[in-house]
Amino acid sequence: MLLTIEKVIFLKSVSIFSAIPEDALIEVATAIEELDVPSGEEIVRKGEYGTSMYIIVEGRVRVHDGDRELGVLGEREVFGELAALDPVPRSASVTALEDSYVFRMSQSALYSLIEQHMDVARGILRILCQRIRDCDERISALSSNQPRTAKSMADAPGRDRSRDV
């Protein structure tokens, strides 16, 4: 278990909290829950409702949908921010790849911090935008690897349909 000052120093090193004054991070540090997660343990499960955001202090986690890996996250990275902002069923599961130590921040603590410090909202938006870009790249890569079907060629832009009967 870390001392409050150690939590503040760590939070300050996480991009979404880096611009937040230390006195505000003291409040956050006292509100977060510390979790020791053994290797192989599921931290969040796809489909379950969640209202917490997680910050990886030590270790690595696997983000996945069943057997399909969506990504691997490590120290100072964040997950669960979508559920913390908008509590809907989780879109993926997260499982510890190795013994890990994470902070769990409740929705109320996150909202309070966002209300006082817009830099936190900007940081979360940066994370979400990057994840959308990553998804766009994957979609693009998948679609460029798909063979063109007769229907997709018939629907191609610029095709002269005047002779179609």
Protein backbone atom coordinates (compact mmCIF):
# COMPACT_ATOMS: atom_id res chain seq x y z
CA MET A 1 0.00 0.00 0.00
CA LEU A 2 1.35 3.40 -0.98
CA LEU A 3 1.43 6.53 1.13
CA THR A 4 -0.75 9.41 -0.08
CA ILE A 5 2.30 11.37 -1.23
CA GLU A 6 3.52 8.36 -3.25
CA LYS A 7 0.11 8.10 -4.91
CA VAL A 8 0.22 11.81 -5.78
CA ILE A 9 3.69 11.47 -7.30
CA PHE A 10 2.54 8.48 -9.35
CA LEU A 11 -0.69 10.17 -10.50
CA LYS A 12 1.31 13.22 -11.56
CA SER A 13 3.26 10.91 -13.92
CA VAL A 14 0.07 9.69 -15.65
CA SER A 15 -0.71 11.85 -18.68
CA ILE A 16 -4.34 12.63 -17.85
CA PHE A 17 -3.36 13.89 -14.38
CA SER A 18 -0.06 15.60 -15.20
CA ALA A 19 -1.52 19.14 -15.33
CA ILE A 20 -3.52 18.77 -12.10
CA PRO A 21 -2.20 20.64 -9.04
CA GLU A 22 -0.84 18.43 -6.28
CA ASP A 23 -3.43 19.62 -3.74
CA ALA A 24 -6.23 18.33 -5.99
CA LEU A 25 -4.38 15.05 -6.50
CA ILE A 26 -4.21 14.61 -2.73
CA GLU A 27 -8.03 14.42 -2.74
CA VAL A 28 -7.91 11.91 -5.58
CA ALA A 29 -5.21 9.85 -3.86
CA THR A 30 -7.34 9.49 -0.76
CA ALA A 31 -10.40 8.48 -2.82
CA ILE A 32 -8.81 5.80 -5.01
CA GLU A 33 -8.84 2.15 -4.10
CA GLU A 34 -5.66 0.09 -4.44
CA LEU A 35 -5.96 -3.41 -5.88
CA ASP A 36 -3.43 -6.22 -6.06
CA VAL A 37 -4.43 -8.35 -9.03
CA PRO A 38 -2.85 -11.77 -9.49
CA SER A 39 -1.84 -12.94 -12.96
CA GLY A 40 -4.79 -14.41 -14.84
CA GLU A 41 -7.45 -12.64 -12.80
CA GLU A 42 -10.18 -10.81 -14.68
CA ILE A 43 -10.44 -7.20 -13.54
CA VAL A 44 -13.48 -6.24 -15.63
CA ARG A 45 -15.80 -8.47 -17.63
CA LYS A 46 -17.42 -7.62 -20.94
CA GLY A 47 -21.14 -7.00 -20.56
CA GLU A 48 -21.05 -6.10 -16.87
CA TYR A 49 -21.98 -2.62 -15.78
CA GLY A 50 -19.07 -0.64 -14.45
CA THR A 51 -18.63 2.82 -12.99
CA SER A 52 -14.91 2.82 -12.29
CA MET A 53 -11.78 3.79 -14.15
CA TYR A 54 -8.50 1.95 -13.56
CA ILE A 55 -4.91 3.16 -13.64
CA ILE A 56 -2.14 0.57 -13.93
CA VAL A 57 0.59 1.23 -11.37
CA GLU A 58 2.57 -1.98 -11.97
CA GLY A 59 2.10 -4.90 -14.33
CA ARG A 60 0.40 -5.49 -17.66
CA VAL A 61 -3.16 -6.31 -18.59
CA ARG A 62 -4.79 -7.80 -21.66
CA VAL A 63 -7.88 -6.15 -23.13
CA HIS A 64 -9.92 -8.78 -24.95
CA ASP A 65 -13.26 -9.92 -26.29
CA GLY A 66 -13.26 -13.62 -25.55
CA ASP A 67 -10.16 -15.08 -27.19
CA ARG A 68 -9.63 -12.06 -29.46
CA GLU A 69 -6.98 -9.73 -28.07
CA LEU A 70 -7.75 -6.04 -28.49
CA GLY A 71 -4.62 -4.72 -26.83
CA VAL A 72 -2.13 -4.88 -24.00
CA LEU A 73 -1.76 -2.04 -21.51
CA GLY A 74 1.04 -1.37 -19.06
CA GLU A 75 2.18 0.98 -16.34
CA ARG A 76 0.65 4.47 -16.29
CA GLU A 77 -2.07 3.48 -18.75
CA VAL A 78 -5.78 3.79 -18.09
CA PHE A 79 -8.77 1.58 -18.85
CA GLY A 80 -12.46 1.63 -17.96
CA GLU A 81 -12.77 5.37 -18.60
CA LEU A 82 -15.83 4.88 -20.82
CA ALA A 83 -17.75 3.06 -18.10
CA ALA A 84 -16.72 5.69 -15.56
CA LEU A 85 -18.08 8.44 -17.80
CA ASP A 86 -21.18 6.62 -19.02
CA PRO A 87 -22.15 3.52 -17.05
CA VAL A 88 -23.19 1.08 -19.74
CA PRO A 89 -22.14 -2.56 -20.10
CA ARG A 90 -18.41 -2.88 -20.58
CA SER A 91 -17.30 -3.34 -24.18
CA ALA A 92 -14.38 -5.68 -23.39
CA SER A 93 -12.85 -7.75 -20.63
CA VAL A 94 -9.52 -6.92 -18.99
CA THR A 95 -7.34 -9.64 -17.48
CA ALA A 96 -3.99 -9.34 -15.69
CA LEU A 97 -1.15 -10.83 -17.75
CA GLU A 98 1.12 -10.75 -14.71
CA ASP A 99 0.74 -9.84 -11.06
CA SER A 100 -0.43 -6.25 -11.23
CA TYR A 101 -1.15 -3.35 -8.95
CA VAL A 102 -3.87 -0.93 -10.04
CA PHE A 103 -5.78 2.05 -8.76
CA ARG A 104 -9.55 2.06 -9.09
CA MET A 105 -11.22 5.47 -9.28
CA SER A 106 -14.96 5.72 -8.77
CA GLN A 107 -17.23 7.63 -11.08
CA SER A 108 -18.02 10.19 -8.38
CA ALA A 109 -14.33 10.90 -7.71
CA LEU A 110 -13.67 11.21 -11.44
CA TYR A 111 -16.64 13.55 -11.98
CA SER A 112 -15.55 15.71 -9.07
CA LEU A 113 -12.04 15.98 -10.48
CA ILE A 114 -13.34 16.80 -13.97
CA GLU A 115 -15.60 19.54 -12.58
CA GLN A 116 -12.61 21.18 -10.92
CA HIS A 117 -9.99 20.48 -13.60
CA MET A 118 -10.90 20.39 -17.27
CA ASP A 119 -7.42 19.03 -18.05
CA VAL A 120 -8.62 15.63 -16.79
CA ALA A 121 -11.51 15.69 -19.28
CA ARG A 122 -9.09 16.68 -22.04
CA GLY A 123 -6.79 13.82 -21.09
CA ILE A 124 -9.62 11.30 -21.19
CA LEU A 125 -10.76 12.69 -24.53
CA ARG A 126 -7.22 12.22 -25.88
CA ILE A 127 -7.29 8.58 -24.77
CA LEU A 128 -10.72 8.02 -26.34
CA CYS A 129 -9.69 9.73 -29.58
CA GLN A 130 -6.56 7.57 -29.81
CA ARG A 131 -8.63 4.43 -29.28
CA ILE A 132 -11.03 5.50 -32.02
CA ARG A 133 -8.08 6.12 -34.34
CA ASP A 134 -6.70 2.67 -33.52
CA CYS A 135 -10.09 1.13 -34.33
CA ASP A 136 -10.26 3.07 -37.60
CA GLU A 137 -6.83 1.72 -38.57
CA ARG A 138 -7.92 -1.83 -37.79
CA ILE A 139 -11.12 -1.43 -39.79
CA SER A 140 -9.18 0.03 -42.69
CA ALA A 141 -6.65 -2.80 -42.57
CA LEU A 142 -9.43 -5.39 -42.46
CA SER A 143 -11.36 -3.81 -45.31
CA SER A 144 -8.25 -3.52 -47.51
CA ASN A 145 -7.61 -7.24 -47.02
CA GLN A 146 -11.13 -8.25 -48.06
CA PRO A 147 -11.60 -9.51 -51.60
CA ARG A 148 -13.95 -7.39 -53.66
CA THR A 149 -17.24 -9.10 -54.32
CA ALA A 150 -19.37 -8.66 -57.41
CA LYS A 151 -21.82 -6.60 -55.35
CA SER A 152 -19.10 -4.29 -53.99
CA MET A 153 -17.73 -3.79 -57.51
CA ALA A 154 -21.22 -3.05 -58.84
CA ASP A 155 -21.71 -0.47 -56.09
CA ALA A 156 -18.30 1.14 -56.63
CA PRO A 157 -18.36 4.93 -56.98
CA GLY A 158 -18.02 6.14 -60.54
CA ARG A 159 -19.39 2.96 -62.11
CA ASP A 160 -21.48 3.69 -65.20
CA ARG A 161 -24.91 2.26 -64.40
CA SER A 162 -26.57 3.56 -67.58
CA ARG A 163 -26.10 0.17 -69.26
CA ASP A 164 -27.46 -1.85 -66.32
CA VAL A 165 -30.75 -3.48 -67.24
